[in-house]
Amino acid sequence: MLLAQIQETTAFIQQKTQNFQPEVGIILGTGLGGLIKEIEIAHMLEYQHIPNFPISTVESHSGKLIFGTMSGKKVVAMQGRFHYYEGYTMQQVTFPVRVMKFLGIKYLLVSNAAGGLNPSYQISDLMILNDHINLLPDNPLRGKNEDELGVRFPDMFETYHPELRKKALEIARKYQIRANEGVYVSVMGPNLETPAEYRFLRTIGADAVGMSTVPEAIVAVHMNLPVFAVSVITDLCYEGHLKKVSLADVIAAAQIAEPKLTLLMKELVASLN
């Protein structure tokens, strides 16, 4: 069933994009859609017109699949992603990653907005994921395994590709961008966490907290697709800096960081073989 849906959607997109073959897939998180301006757009499809695609219900996620060229590479970018808290299954949340792999991508680059748990982090810093903790209540691989997609028990020892992380850190140093490596914890949401929950998440080893990215990373690893992920720290979630936060605050902090993230992504894409 899942494989048939992926094939149907892939065939539809190939027909609509004249068999455009992307090399890199990009997922843009909350308030981080500005990277689209750097893409020389060849084709643009709205999610609502793509068979089997969910539709983004979050105000800051516009819901378009964009094909074009950036930094000399053919890319496909999701302007708006899906979340478990929207009511979708994990298979629906990660379905676009499966489709992008079938379209031909060799790398997946993911961004998100996250709360900073590490006391050394500041608002609008970047955090390059070197690991994650999955506290979501379901897994996109639950159910019958499709052997054509990947193995039943994929190993998650190096979920986030070491070479991509190394390149990103070198780019950040070159352009004097504040960037750390850290552990991302994914929770269900949509509410933000209580002060006690923030303390708990820090105690178990997380540097930043969000509501996305981990399902996409699991599916990428399942399909043997190298994945890179980066968080923009949009609010501070540690003692002495906790305060009430609105979506507007999150988006404002993400927009301050957007030029840095855009530069990092552009340079990283240019470095890929």
Protein backbone atom coordinates (compact mmCIF):
# COMPACT_ATOMS: atom_id res chain seq x y z
CA MET A 1 0.00 0.00 0.00
CA LEU A 2 2.67 2.54 1.05
CA LEU A 3 4.95 1.60 -1.82
CA ALA A 4 2.08 1.91 -4.33
CA GLN A 5 1.22 5.39 -2.99
CA ILE A 6 4.86 6.50 -3.23
CA GLN A 7 5.07 5.26 -6.82
CA GLU A 8 1.77 6.96 -7.75
CA THR A 9 2.88 10.29 -6.26
CA THR A 10 6.35 10.06 -7.79
CA ALA A 11 4.90 9.38 -11.25
CA PHE A 12 2.51 12.36 -10.90
CA ILE A 13 5.32 14.72 -9.88
CA GLN A 14 7.62 13.50 -12.65
CA GLN A 15 4.89 14.13 -15.19
CA LYS A 16 4.21 17.63 -13.83
CA THR A 17 7.91 18.59 -13.62
CA GLN A 18 8.98 17.09 -16.96
CA ASN A 19 11.09 14.45 -15.17
CA PHE A 20 13.09 17.01 -13.20
CA GLN A 21 15.62 14.95 -11.19
CA PRO A 22 16.65 16.63 -7.92
CA GLU A 23 19.95 15.77 -6.23
CA VAL A 24 19.18 17.37 -2.85
CA GLY A 25 15.98 17.46 -0.80
CA ILE A 26 15.40 20.33 1.64
CA ILE A 27 12.76 20.62 4.39
CA LEU A 28 12.21 24.16 5.67
CA GLY A 29 11.01 24.67 9.23
CA THR A 30 8.97 27.35 11.03
CA GLY A 31 9.80 30.85 9.83
CA LEU A 32 12.64 29.60 7.63
CA GLY A 33 11.06 29.70 4.18
CA GLY A 34 13.35 32.47 2.90
CA LEU A 35 15.80 29.99 1.41
CA ILE A 36 13.30 29.67 -1.43
CA LYS A 37 14.46 33.09 -2.71
CA GLU A 38 17.87 31.54 -3.42
CA ILE A 39 16.41 28.84 -5.68
CA GLU A 40 16.12 29.42 -9.41
CA ILE A 41 12.65 27.91 -9.61
CA ALA A 42 11.78 25.56 -12.45
CA HIS A 43 8.53 24.08 -11.11
CA MET A 44 6.24 24.67 -8.14
CA LEU A 45 3.47 22.32 -6.96
CA GLU A 46 0.98 23.01 -4.16
CA TYR A 47 0.57 20.13 -1.73
CA GLN A 48 -3.20 20.13 -2.19
CA HIS A 49 -2.75 19.18 -5.85
CA ILE A 50 -0.32 16.29 -5.23
CA PRO A 51 -1.93 12.85 -4.81
CA ASN A 52 -1.49 11.25 -1.35
CA PHE A 53 0.19 14.39 0.07
CA PRO A 54 -1.10 15.78 3.36
CA ILE A 55 -1.83 19.52 3.54
CA SER A 56 0.02 21.72 6.01
CA THR A 57 -2.32 23.22 8.60
CA VAL A 58 0.23 25.42 10.38
CA GLU A 59 0.05 29.17 9.73
CA SER A 60 3.81 29.56 9.15
CA HIS A 61 4.08 26.60 6.72
CA SER A 62 2.93 27.55 3.23
CA GLY A 63 2.57 24.11 1.61
CA LYS A 64 4.52 24.09 -1.65
CA LEU A 65 6.96 21.66 -3.25
CA ILE A 66 9.54 23.68 -5.15
CA PHE A 67 11.93 22.38 -7.82
CA GLY A 68 14.89 24.34 -9.13
CA THR A 69 18.60 25.03 -9.00
CA MET A 70 20.62 26.35 -6.07
CA SER A 71 24.41 26.54 -5.75
CA GLY A 72 24.74 24.63 -9.01
CA LYS A 73 22.68 21.65 -7.79
CA LYS A 74 19.16 20.54 -8.66
CA VAL A 75 17.04 20.70 -5.51
CA VAL A 76 13.53 20.00 -4.32
CA ALA A 77 12.41 22.02 -1.30
CA MET A 78 9.41 21.54 0.97
CA GLN A 79 8.14 25.00 1.87
CA GLY A 80 6.14 23.79 4.85
CA ARG A 81 6.35 20.42 6.58
CA PHE A 82 3.94 18.16 8.45
CA HIS A 83 3.79 17.42 12.17
CA TYR A 84 2.32 14.61 14.24
CA TYR A 85 0.41 17.16 16.34
CA GLU A 86 -1.60 18.19 13.27
CA GLY A 87 -3.35 14.83 13.47
CA TYR A 88 -1.42 13.04 10.73
CA THR A 89 0.03 9.56 11.10
CA MET A 90 3.80 9.22 11.19
CA GLN A 91 3.61 7.61 7.75
CA GLN A 92 1.88 10.74 6.42
CA VAL A 93 4.35 13.06 8.15
CA THR A 94 7.28 11.31 6.48
CA PHE A 95 5.65 10.48 3.15
CA PRO A 96 7.33 13.41 1.31
CA VAL A 97 10.79 12.14 2.31
CA ARG A 98 9.98 8.78 0.73
CA VAL A 99 8.80 10.52 -2.44
CA MET A 100 11.87 12.77 -2.65
CA LYS A 101 14.09 9.69 -2.40
CA PHE A 102 12.17 8.06 -5.26
CA LEU A 103 12.56 11.29 -7.27
CA GLY A 104 16.32 10.80 -7.00
CA ILE A 105 17.70 12.87 -4.11
CA LYS A 106 21.07 11.77 -2.70
CA TYR A 107 21.00 14.01 0.39
CA LEU A 108 18.31 15.31 2.75
CA LEU A 109 18.82 18.67 4.51
CA VAL A 110 16.36 19.56 7.28
CA SER A 111 15.83 22.72 9.32
CA ASN A 112 13.63 23.45 12.30
CA ALA A 113 12.90 26.01 14.99
CA ALA A 114 13.71 24.78 18.50
CA GLY A 115 13.87 25.85 22.12
CA GLY A 116 17.35 26.07 23.61
CA LEU A 117 17.91 23.86 26.67
CA ASN A 118 21.68 24.27 26.78
CA PRO A 119 22.59 27.29 28.94
CA SER A 120 25.34 28.32 26.52
CA TYR A 121 22.82 28.86 23.69
CA GLN A 122 21.48 32.26 22.68
CA ILE A 123 18.40 33.22 20.66
CA SER A 124 18.97 32.89 16.88
CA ASP A 125 21.99 30.57 17.33
CA LEU A 126 22.22 27.56 15.03
CA MET A 127 22.52 24.03 16.41
CA ILE A 128 23.74 21.29 14.09
CA LEU A 129 22.20 18.00 15.17
CA ASN A 130 24.69 15.27 16.07
CA ASP A 131 22.08 13.03 17.71
CA HIS A 132 18.48 12.98 18.85
CA ILE A 133 16.15 11.67 21.54
CA ASN A 134 12.76 10.50 20.28
CA LEU A 135 9.91 11.13 22.74
CA LEU A 136 7.19 11.04 20.09
CA PRO A 137 4.44 8.49 20.81
CA ASP A 138 4.71 6.66 17.47
CA ASN A 139 7.34 5.64 14.93
CA PRO A 140 7.09 6.03 11.12
CA LEU A 141 8.48 2.49 10.70
CA ARG A 142 5.77 0.84 12.81
CA GLY A 143 3.78 -1.78 10.92
CA LYS A 144 4.70 -4.11 8.09
CA ASN A 145 8.16 -3.32 6.71
CA GLU A 146 8.40 -2.62 2.98
CA ASP A 147 11.66 -4.35 2.08
CA GLU A 148 11.93 -2.26 -1.10
CA LEU A 149 12.25 0.84 1.11
CA GLY A 150 14.71 -0.39 3.72
CA VAL A 151 15.57 -3.00 6.34
CA ARG A 152 13.29 -3.93 9.23
CA PHE A 153 15.70 -2.74 11.95
CA PRO A 154 17.76 0.21 10.66
CA ASP A 155 20.78 1.15 12.76
CA MET A 156 20.72 4.71 14.14
CA PHE A 157 24.32 4.93 15.36
CA GLU A 158 25.14 7.83 13.01
CA THR A 159 21.72 9.25 12.14
CA TYR A 160 23.15 12.64 11.16
CA HIS A 161 25.89 12.22 8.58
CA PRO A 162 29.33 12.98 10.11
CA GLU A 163 30.80 14.40 6.90
CA LEU A 164 27.87 16.77 6.36
CA ARG A 165 28.13 17.94 9.98
CA LYS A 166 31.87 18.53 9.58
CA LYS A 167 31.33 20.56 6.39
CA ALA A 168 28.61 22.64 8.03
CA LEU A 169 30.80 23.48 11.03
CA GLU A 170 33.64 24.52 8.71
CA ILE A 171 31.24 26.79 6.78
CA ALA A 172 29.98 28.30 10.05
CA ARG A 173 33.55 29.03 11.19
CA LYS A 174 34.43 30.53 7.82
CA TYR A 175 31.53 33.00 7.97
CA GLN A 176 31.66 33.54 11.75
CA ILE A 177 28.21 32.08 12.30
CA ARG A 178 27.43 31.01 15.87
CA ALA A 179 26.81 27.28 15.53
CA ASN A 180 27.08 24.42 17.99
CA GLU A 181 26.61 20.68 17.68
CA GLY A 182 24.00 19.22 19.97
CA VAL A 183 21.27 16.72 20.77
CA TYR A 184 17.70 17.48 19.66
CA VAL A 185 14.74 16.01 21.50
CA SER A 186 11.45 15.68 19.66
CA VAL A 187 8.19 15.90 21.60
CA MET A 188 4.59 15.66 20.43
CA GLY A 189 3.29 19.18 21.12
CA PRO A 190 1.55 21.35 20.10
CA ASN A 191 1.78 22.99 23.52
CA LEU A 192 5.15 24.25 24.64
CA GLU A 193 6.70 22.54 27.65
CA THR A 194 6.34 23.36 31.34
CA PRO A 195 9.40 24.53 33.33
CA ALA A 196 9.58 21.08 34.97
CA GLU A 197 9.50 19.40 31.56
CA TYR A 198 12.33 21.63 30.32
CA ARG A 199 14.41 20.60 33.34
CA PHE A 200 13.63 16.94 32.63
CA LEU A 201 14.61 17.22 28.96
CA ARG A 202 17.91 18.86 29.87
CA THR A 203 18.56 16.19 32.51
CA ILE A 204 18.16 13.37 29.97
CA GLY A 205 20.76 14.95 27.68
CA ALA A 206 18.99 17.26 25.24
CA ASP A 207 20.40 20.59 24.06
CA ALA A 208 17.30 21.74 22.15
CA VAL A 209 13.64 20.73 21.96
CA GLY A 210 11.18 20.75 19.06
CA MET A 211 8.23 18.94 17.50
CA SER A 212 9.61 17.70 14.18
CA THR A 213 12.69 16.42 12.30
CA VAL A 214 13.15 13.08 14.09
CA PRO A 215 10.50 11.20 12.04
CA GLU A 216 12.00 12.49 8.79
CA ALA A 217 15.49 11.52 9.95
CA ILE A 218 14.36 7.99 10.88
CA VAL A 219 12.81 7.48 7.46
CA ALA A 220 15.90 8.90 5.71
CA VAL A 221 18.12 6.43 7.57
CA HIS A 222 15.66 3.63 6.73
CA MET A 223 16.09 4.48 3.03
CA ASN A 224 19.88 4.81 3.31
CA LEU A 225 19.68 8.55 2.63
CA PRO A 226 22.38 10.78 4.21
CA VAL A 227 20.68 13.39 6.40
CA PHE A 228 21.80 16.74 7.82
CA ALA A 229 19.67 18.72 10.25
CA VAL A 230 20.01 22.14 11.85
CA SER A 231 17.92 23.92 14.50
CA VAL A 232 17.45 27.65 14.88
CA ILE A 233 17.20 28.46 18.59
CA THR A 234 14.08 30.62 18.81
CA ASP A 235 13.56 30.75 22.58
CA LEU A 236 15.54 29.94 25.73
CA CYS A 237 14.23 27.17 27.96
CA TYR A 238 16.64 27.16 30.90
CA GLU A 239 16.62 28.64 34.40
CA GLY A 240 16.77 32.41 34.51
CA HIS A 241 15.67 32.92 30.90
CA LEU A 242 12.27 31.20 30.81
CA LYS A 243 9.33 33.38 29.84
CA LYS A 244 6.03 33.10 28.00
CA VAL A 245 6.56 32.58 24.26
CA SER A 246 4.17 33.13 21.33
CA LEU A 247 4.37 31.85 17.76
CA ALA A 248 5.14 35.44 16.73
CA ASP A 249 8.21 35.39 19.03
CA VAL A 250 9.39 32.13 17.48
CA ILE A 251 8.97 33.41 13.93
CA ALA A 252 10.70 36.71 14.75
CA ALA A 253 13.74 34.87 16.18
CA ALA A 254 13.81 32.50 13.19
CA GLN A 255 13.75 35.43 10.78
CA ILE A 256 16.76 37.02 12.50
CA ALA A 257 18.66 33.75 12.00
CA GLU A 258 17.37 33.16 8.47
CA PRO A 259 20.23 34.91 6.60
CA LYS A 260 22.78 32.81 8.52
CA LEU A 261 20.87 29.60 7.89
CA THR A 262 20.42 30.47 4.21
CA LEU A 263 24.15 31.07 3.79
CA LEU A 264 24.99 27.82 5.59
CA MET A 265 22.56 25.80 3.45
CA LYS A 266 23.71 27.39 0.19
CA GLU A 267 27.37 26.71 0.94
CA LEU A 268 26.62 23.17 2.12
CA VAL A 269 24.69 22.36 -1.05
CA ALA A 270 27.55 23.78 -3.14
CA SER A 271 30.00 21.44 -1.35
CA LEU A 272 28.07 18.25 -2.11
CA ASN A 273 29.38 15.81 -4.70
